[in-house]
């Protein structure tokens, strides 16, 4: 059993954490380039903070090593 606390982020938190706008987040999700949200209720969804953090780390790695990941600077 995983004892690490898991935190769900709502959209305003994801926007603040990534610096992306709502439309960019959903466009990246559609392209499979950003973690998909989890349905929390009838009209609520959230993102696992660990998945958002991993996405941010991946962007940092792409910036640091563009030739290895296929990204550009």
PDB file of N, CA and C in Angstrom:
ATOM      1  N   UNK A   1       0.839  -1.173   0.000  1.00  0.00           N
ATOM      2  CA  UNK A   1       0.000   0.000   0.000  1.00  0.00           C
ATOM      3  C   UNK A   1       0.889   1.242   0.000  1.00  0.00           C
ATOM      4  N   UNK A   2       0.567   2.199  -0.858  1.00  0.00           N
ATOM      5  CA  UNK A   2       1.335   3.429  -0.990  1.00  0.00           C
ATOM      6  C   UNK A   2       0.913   4.415   0.094  1.00  0.00           C
ATOM      7  N   UNK A   3       1.851   4.806   0.953  1.00  0.00           N
ATOM      8  CA  UNK A   3       1.528   5.736   2.039  1.00  0.00           C
ATOM      9  C   UNK A   3       1.853   7.183   1.681  1.00  0.00           C
ATOM     10  N   UNK A   4       2.379   7.412   0.473  1.00  0.00           N
ATOM     11  CA  UNK A   4       2.666   8.767   0.042  1.00  0.00           C
ATOM     12  C   UNK A   4       1.353   9.499  -0.189  1.00  0.00           C
ATOM     13  N   UNK A   5       1.190  10.663   0.444  1.00  0.00           N
ATOM     14  CA  UNK A   5      -0.068  11.389   0.224  1.00  0.00           C
ATOM     15  C   UNK A   5      -0.185  11.837  -1.222  1.00  0.00           C
ATOM     16  N   UNK A   6      -1.369  11.702  -1.768  1.00  0.00           N
ATOM     17  CA  UNK A   6      -1.647  12.132  -3.136  1.00  0.00           C
ATOM     18  C   UNK A   6      -2.547  13.347  -3.061  1.00  0.00           C
ATOM     19  N   UNK A   7      -2.183  14.340  -3.825  1.00  0.00           N
ATOM     20  CA  UNK A   7      -2.960  15.573  -3.831  1.00  0.00           C
ATOM     21  C   UNK A   7      -3.545  15.778  -5.212  1.00  0.00           C
ATOM     22  N   UNK A   8      -4.814  16.123  -5.241  1.00  0.00           N
ATOM     23  CA  UNK A   8      -5.478  16.444  -6.491  1.00  0.00           C
ATOM     24  C   UNK A   8      -5.479  17.956  -6.652  1.00  0.00           C
ATOM     25  N   UNK A   9      -5.110  18.399  -7.836  1.00  0.00           N
ATOM     26  CA  UNK A   9      -5.110  19.819  -8.147  1.00  0.00           C
ATOM     27  C   UNK A   9      -6.323  20.149  -9.005  1.00  0.00           C
ATOM     28  N   UNK A  10      -6.979  21.226  -8.687  1.00  0.00           N
ATOM     29  CA  UNK A  10      -8.057  21.715  -9.530  1.00  0.00           C
ATOM     30  C   UNK A  10      -7.452  22.601 -10.608  1.00  0.00           C
ATOM     31  N   UNK A  11      -8.217  22.940 -11.610  1.00  0.00           N
ATOM     32  CA  UNK A  11      -7.706  23.675 -12.762  1.00  0.00           C
ATOM     33  C   UNK A  11      -6.963  24.966 -12.393  1.00  0.00           C
ATOM     34  N   UNK A  12      -7.485  25.807 -11.499  1.00  0.00           N
ATOM     35  CA  UNK A  12      -6.727  27.026 -11.163  1.00  0.00           C
ATOM     36  C   UNK A  12      -5.326  26.715 -10.605  1.00  0.00           C
ATOM     37  N   UNK A  13      -5.208  25.618  -9.854  1.00  0.00           N
ATOM     38  CA  UNK A  13      -3.905  25.227  -9.314  1.00  0.00           C
ATOM     39  C   UNK A  13      -2.971  24.748 -10.428  1.00  0.00           C
ATOM     40  N   UNK A  14      -3.520  24.005 -11.392  1.00  0.00           N
ATOM     41  CA  UNK A  14      -2.717  23.519 -12.520  1.00  0.00           C
ATOM     42  C   UNK A  14      -2.243  24.706 -13.356  1.00  0.00           C
ATOM     43  N   UNK A  15      -3.120  25.653 -13.583  1.00  0.00           N
ATOM     44  CA  UNK A  15      -2.756  26.864 -14.327  1.00  0.00           C
ATOM     45  C   UNK A  15      -1.634  27.603 -13.609  1.00  0.00           C
ATOM     46  N   UNK A  16      -1.771  27.776 -12.297  1.00  0.00           N
ATOM     47  CA  UNK A  16      -0.753  28.488 -11.523  1.00  0.00           C
ATOM     48  C   UNK A  16       0.575  27.727 -11.520  1.00  0.00           C
ATOM     49  N   UNK A  17       0.507  26.419 -11.417  1.00  0.00           N
ATOM     50  CA  UNK A  17       1.715  25.607 -11.321  1.00  0.00           C
ATOM     51  C   UNK A  17       2.465  25.525 -12.652  1.00  0.00           C
ATOM     52  N   UNK A  18       1.740  25.451 -13.761  1.00  0.00           N
ATOM     53  CA  UNK A  18       2.379  25.267 -15.067  1.00  0.00           C
ATOM     54  C   UNK A  18       2.615  26.573 -15.812  1.00  0.00           C
ATOM     55  N   UNK A  19       1.835  27.588 -15.515  1.00  0.00           N
ATOM     56  CA  UNK A  19       1.919  28.834 -16.276  1.00  0.00           C
ATOM     57  C   UNK A  19       1.160  28.774 -17.581  1.00  0.00           C
ATOM     58  N   UNK A  20       0.456  27.666 -17.817  1.00  0.00           N
ATOM     59  CA  UNK A  20      -0.339  27.508 -19.036  1.00  0.00           C
ATOM     60  C   UNK A  20      -1.744  28.056 -18.821  1.00  0.00           C
ATOM     61  N   UNK A  21      -2.380  28.429 -19.899  1.00  0.00           N
ATOM     62  CA  UNK A  21      -3.785  28.828 -19.850  1.00  0.00           C
ATOM     63  C   UNK A  21      -4.656  27.588 -20.030  1.00  0.00           C
ATOM     64  N   UNK A  22      -5.933  27.720 -19.674  1.00  0.00           N
ATOM     65  CA  UNK A  22      -6.883  26.612 -19.758  1.00  0.00           C
ATOM     66  C   UNK A  22      -6.902  25.983 -21.146  1.00  0.00           C
ATOM     67  N   UNK A  23      -6.974  26.817 -22.171  1.00  0.00           N
ATOM     68  CA  UNK A  23      -7.069  26.300 -23.539  1.00  0.00           C
ATOM     69  C   UNK A  23      -5.819  25.503 -23.921  1.00  0.00           C
ATOM     70  N   UNK A  24      -4.650  25.940 -23.485  1.00  0.00           N
ATOM     71  CA  UNK A  24      -3.412  25.214 -23.785  1.00  0.00           C
ATOM     72  C   UNK A  24      -3.372  23.875 -23.066  1.00  0.00           C
ATOM     73  N   UNK A  25      -3.811  23.859 -21.817  1.00  0.00           N
ATOM     74  CA  UNK A  25      -3.843  22.603 -21.061  1.00  0.00           C
ATOM     75  C   UNK A  25      -4.713  21.585 -21.776  1.00  0.00           C
ATOM     76  N   UNK A  26      -5.922  21.985 -22.158  1.00  0.00           N
ATOM     77  CA  UNK A  26      -6.829  21.044 -22.819  1.00  0.00           C
ATOM     78  C   UNK A  26      -6.354  20.664 -24.221  1.00  0.00           C
ATOM     79  N   UNK A  27      -5.678  21.570 -24.906  1.00  0.00           N
ATOM     80  CA  UNK A  27      -5.108  21.220 -26.216  1.00  0.00           C
ATOM     81  C   UNK A  27      -4.006  20.177 -26.042  1.00  0.00           C
ATOM     82  N   UNK A  28      -3.139  20.358 -25.052  1.00  0.00           N
ATOM     83  CA  UNK A  28      -2.083  19.370 -24.775  1.00  0.00           C
ATOM     84  C   UNK A  28      -2.680  18.022 -24.377  1.00  0.00           C
ATOM     85  N   UNK A  29      -3.756  18.037 -23.601  1.00  0.00           N
ATOM     86  CA  UNK A  29      -4.411  16.776 -23.218  1.00  0.00           C
ATOM     87  C   UNK A  29      -4.920  16.066 -24.466  1.00  0.00           C
ATOM     88  N   UNK A  30      -5.561  16.801 -25.350  1.00  0.00           N
ATOM     89  CA  UNK A  30      -6.101  16.228 -26.591  1.00  0.00           C
ATOM     90  C   UNK A  30      -4.995  15.608 -27.438  1.00  0.00           C
ATOM     91  N   UNK A  31      -3.808  16.237 -27.439  1.00  0.00           N
ATOM     92  CA  UNK A  31      -2.665  15.737 -28.204  1.00  0.00           C
ATOM     93  C   UNK A  31      -1.914  14.619 -27.464  1.00  0.00           C
ATOM     94  N   UNK A  32      -2.326  14.322 -26.233  1.00  0.00           N
ATOM     95  CA  UNK A  32      -1.640  13.304 -25.440  1.00  0.00           C
ATOM     96  C   UNK A  32      -0.324  13.791 -24.859  1.00  0.00           C
ATOM     97  N   UNK A  33      -0.180  15.109 -24.717  1.00  0.00           N
ATOM     98  CA  UNK A  33       1.064  15.688 -24.238  1.00  0.00           C
ATOM     99  C   UNK A  33       0.972  16.246 -22.821  1.00  0.00           C
ATOM    100  N   UNK A  34      -0.154  16.040 -22.160  1.00  0.00           N
ATOM    101  CA  UNK A  34      -0.340  16.510 -20.787  1.00  0.00           C
ATOM    102  C   UNK A  34      -1.226  15.492 -20.079  1.00  0.00           C
ATOM    103  N   UNK A  35      -1.007  15.276 -18.771  1.00  0.00           N
ATOM    104  CA  UNK A  35      -1.831  14.298 -18.049  1.00  0.00           C
ATOM    105  C   UNK A  35      -3.320  14.640 -18.114  1.00  0.00           C
ATOM    106  N   UNK A  36      -4.112  13.624 -18.303  1.00  0.00           N
ATOM    107  CA  UNK A  36      -5.567  13.808 -18.335  1.00  0.00           C
ATOM    108  C   UNK A  36      -6.095  13.982 -16.913  1.00  0.00           C
ATOM    109  N   UNK A  37      -7.162  14.756 -16.768  1.00  0.00           N
ATOM    110  CA  UNK A  37      -7.746  14.916 -15.435  1.00  0.00           C
ATOM    111  C   UNK A  37      -8.522  13.671 -15.022  1.00  0.00           C
ATOM    112  N   UNK A  38      -8.767  13.585 -13.735  1.00  0.00           N
ATOM    113  CA  UNK A  38      -9.562  12.508 -13.154  1.00  0.00           C
ATOM    114  C   UNK A  38     -10.915  13.091 -12.753  1.00  0.00           C
ATOM    115  N   UNK A  39     -11.979  12.401 -13.094  1.00  0.00           N
ATOM    116  CA  UNK A  39     -13.310  12.854 -12.722  1.00  0.00           C
ATOM    117  C   UNK A  39     -13.476  12.711 -11.210  1.00  0.00           C
ATOM    118  N   UNK A  40     -13.819  13.803 -10.542  1.00  0.00           N
ATOM    119  CA  UNK A  40     -13.995  13.799  -9.088  1.00  0.00           C
ATOM    120  C   UNK A  40     -15.461  13.810  -8.689  1.00  0.00           C
ATOM    121  N   UNK A  41     -16.293  14.260  -9.578  1.00  0.00           N
ATOM    122  CA  UNK A  41     -17.723  14.346  -9.304  1.00  0.00           C
ATOM    123  C   UNK A  41     -18.441  14.658 -10.595  1.00  0.00           C
ATOM    124  N   UNK A  42     -19.703  14.981 -10.497  1.00  0.00           N
ATOM    125  CA  UNK A  42     -20.505  15.247 -11.684  1.00  0.00           C
ATOM    126  C   UNK A  42     -19.929  16.419 -12.487  1.00  0.00           C
ATOM    127  N   UNK A  43     -19.516  17.474 -11.805  1.00  0.00           N
ATOM    128  CA  UNK A  43     -19.006  18.659 -12.499  1.00  0.00           C
ATOM    129  C   UNK A  43     -17.632  19.070 -11.997  1.00  0.00           C
ATOM    130  N   UNK A  44     -16.850  18.107 -11.563  1.00  0.00           N
ATOM    131  CA  UNK A  44     -15.529  18.439 -11.025  1.00  0.00           C
ATOM    132  C   UNK A  44     -14.486  17.439 -11.503  1.00  0.00           C
ATOM    133  N   UNK A  45     -13.312  17.957 -11.838  1.00  0.00           N
ATOM    134  CA  UNK A  45     -12.198  17.086 -12.184  1.00  0.00           C
ATOM    135  C   UNK A  45     -10.934  17.660 -11.557  1.00  0.00           C
ATOM    136  N   UNK A  46      -9.921  16.821 -11.476  1.00  0.00           N
ATOM    137  CA  UNK A  46      -8.665  17.256 -10.895  1.00  0.00           C
ATOM    138  C   UNK A  46      -7.512  16.470 -11.487  1.00  0.00           C
ATOM    139  N   UNK A  47      -6.331  16.963 -11.291  1.00  0.00           N
ATOM    140  CA  UNK A  47      -5.114  16.332 -11.783  1.00  0.00           C
ATOM    141  C   UNK A  47      -4.282  15.881 -10.601  1.00  0.00           C
ATOM    142  N   UNK A  48      -3.683  14.698 -10.719  1.00  0.00           N
ATOM    143  CA  UNK A  48      -2.766  14.262  -9.676  1.00  0.00           C
ATOM    144  C   UNK A  48      -1.549  15.177  -9.698  1.00  0.00           C
ATOM    145  N   UNK A  49      -1.214  15.741  -8.556  1.00  0.00           N
ATOM    146  CA  UNK A  49      -0.095  16.672  -8.484  1.00  0.00           C
ATOM    147  C   UNK A  49       1.198  16.010  -8.944  1.00  0.00           C
ATOM    148  N   UNK A  50       1.386  14.741  -8.613  1.00  0.00           N
ATOM    149  CA  UNK A  50       2.606  14.030  -9.013  1.00  0.00           C
ATOM    150  C   UNK A  50       2.724  13.941 -10.535  1.00  0.00           C
ATOM    151  N   UNK A  51       1.604  13.758 -11.232  1.00  0.00           N
ATOM    152  CA  UNK A  51       1.636  13.694 -12.693  1.00  0.00           C
ATOM    153  C   UNK A  51       1.956  15.051 -13.303  1.00  0.00           C
ATOM    154  N   UNK A  52       1.407  16.109 -12.727  1.00  0.00           N
ATOM    155  CA  UNK A  52       1.707  17.460 -13.213  1.00  0.00           C
ATOM    156  C   UNK A  52       3.176  17.779 -12.947  1.00  0.00           C
ATOM    157  N   UNK A  53       3.664  17.415 -11.759  1.00  0.00           N
ATOM    158  CA  UNK A  53       5.074  17.638 -11.436  1.00  0.00           C
ATOM    159  C   UNK A  53       5.987  16.879 -12.395  1.00  0.00           C
ATOM    160  N   UNK A  54       5.610  15.648 -12.732  1.00  0.00           N
ATOM    161  CA  UNK A  54       6.410  14.850 -13.670  1.00  0.00           C
ATOM    162  C   UNK A  54       6.409  15.497 -15.056  1.00  0.00           C
ATOM    163  N   UNK A  55       5.275  16.050 -15.477  1.00  0.00           N
ATOM    164  CA  UNK A  55       5.198  16.730 -16.770  1.00  0.00           C
ATOM    165  C   UNK A  55       6.130  17.942 -16.773  1.00  0.00           C
ATOM    166  N   UNK A  56       6.101  18.718 -15.684  1.00  0.00           N
ATOM    167  CA  UNK A  56       6.980  19.883 -15.575  1.00  0.00           C
ATOM    168  C   UNK A  56       8.443  19.438 -15.632  1.00  0.00           C
ATOM    169  N   UNK A  57       8.788  18.398 -14.908  1.00  0.00           N
ATOM    170  CA  UNK A  57      10.161  17.877 -14.910  1.00  0.00           C
ATOM    171  C   UNK A  57      10.564  17.443 -16.322  1.00  0.00           C
ATOM    172  N   UNK A  58       9.648  16.825 -17.048  1.00  0.00           N
ATOM    173  CA  UNK A  58       9.922  16.423 -18.424  1.00  0.00           C
ATOM    174  C   UNK A  58      10.212  17.618 -19.315  1.00  0.00           C
ATOM    175  N   UNK A  59       9.483  18.712 -19.115  1.00  0.00           N
ATOM    176  CA  UNK A  59       9.730  19.932 -19.886  1.00  0.00           C
ATOM    177  C   UNK A  59      11.107  20.506 -19.561  1.00  0.00           C
ATOM    178  N   UNK A  60      11.486  20.440 -18.293  1.00  0.00           N
ATOM    179  CA  UNK A  60      12.810  20.921 -17.889  1.00  0.00           C
ATOM    180  C   UNK A  60      13.896  20.067 -18.539  1.00  0.00           C
ATOM    181  N   UNK A  61      13.710  18.747 -18.527  1.00  0.00           N
ATOM    182  CA  UNK A  61      14.690  17.850 -19.137  1.00  0.00           C
ATOM    183  C   UNK A  61      14.807  18.095 -20.638  1.00  0.00           C
ATOM    184  N   UNK A  62      13.688  18.365 -21.297  1.00  0.00           N
ATOM    185  CA  UNK A  62      13.702  18.667 -22.734  1.00  0.00           C
ATOM    186  C   UNK A  62      14.516  19.926 -22.997  1.00  0.00           C
ATOM    187  N   UNK A  63      14.355  20.907 -22.150  1.00  0.00           N
ATOM    188  CA  UNK A  63      15.102  22.155 -22.302  1.00  0.00           C
ATOM    189  C   UNK A  63      16.595  21.936 -22.089  1.00  0.00           C
ATOM    190  N   UNK A  64      16.935  21.089 -21.125  1.00  0.00           N
ATOM    191  CA  UNK A  64      18.335  20.864 -20.786  1.00  0.00           C
ATOM    192  C   UNK A  64      19.046  19.970 -21.797  1.00  0.00           C
ATOM    193  N   UNK A  65      18.309  19.039 -22.428  1.00  0.00           N
ATOM    194  CA  UNK A  65      18.894  18.071 -23.346  1.00  0.00           C
ATOM    195  C   UNK A  65      18.058  17.953 -24.614  1.00  0.00           C
ATOM    196  N   UNK A  66      17.924  19.012 -25.414  1.00  0.00           N
ATOM    197  CA  UNK A  66      17.025  18.984 -26.570  1.00  0.00           C
ATOM    198  C   UNK A  66      17.419  17.944 -27.617  1.00  0.00           C
ATOM    199  N   UNK A  67      18.697  17.679 -27.812  1.00  0.00           N
ATOM    200  CA  UNK A  67      19.116  16.723 -28.830  1.00  0.00           C
ATOM    201  C   UNK A  67      18.749  15.284 -28.440  1.00  0.00           C
ATOM    202  N   UNK A  68      18.647  14.990 -27.151  1.00  0.00           N
ATOM    203  CA  UNK A  68      18.322  13.631 -26.708  1.00  0.00           C
ATOM    204  C   UNK A  68      16.834  13.367 -26.717  1.00  0.00           C
ATOM    205  N   UNK A  69      16.021  14.413 -26.571  1.00  0.00           N
ATOM    206  CA  UNK A  69      14.588  14.226 -26.471  1.00  0.00           C
ATOM    207  C   UNK A  69      13.828  14.654 -27.717  1.00  0.00           C
ATOM    208  N   UNK A  70      14.548  15.215 -28.685  1.00  0.00           N
ATOM    209  CA  UNK A  70      13.884  15.646 -29.913  1.00  0.00           C
ATOM    210  C   UNK A  70      13.301  17.029 -29.839  1.00  0.00           C
ATOM    211  N   UNK A  71      13.448  17.699 -28.693  1.00  0.00           N
ATOM    212  CA  UNK A  71      12.917  19.054 -28.542  1.00  0.00           C
ATOM    213  C   UNK A  71      13.900  20.075 -29.076  1.00  0.00           C
ATOM    214  N   UNK A  72      13.434  21.291 -29.185  1.00  0.00           N
ATOM    215  CA  UNK A  72      14.304  22.381 -29.611  1.00  0.00           C
ATOM    216  C   UNK A  72      14.283  23.467 -28.558  1.00  0.00           C
ATOM    217  N   UNK A  73      15.265  24.284 -28.606  1.00  0.00           N
ATOM    218  CA  UNK A  73      15.346  25.386 -27.662  1.00  0.00           C
ATOM    219  C   UNK A  73      14.859  26.655 -28.242  1.00  0.00           C
TER     220      UNK A  73
END
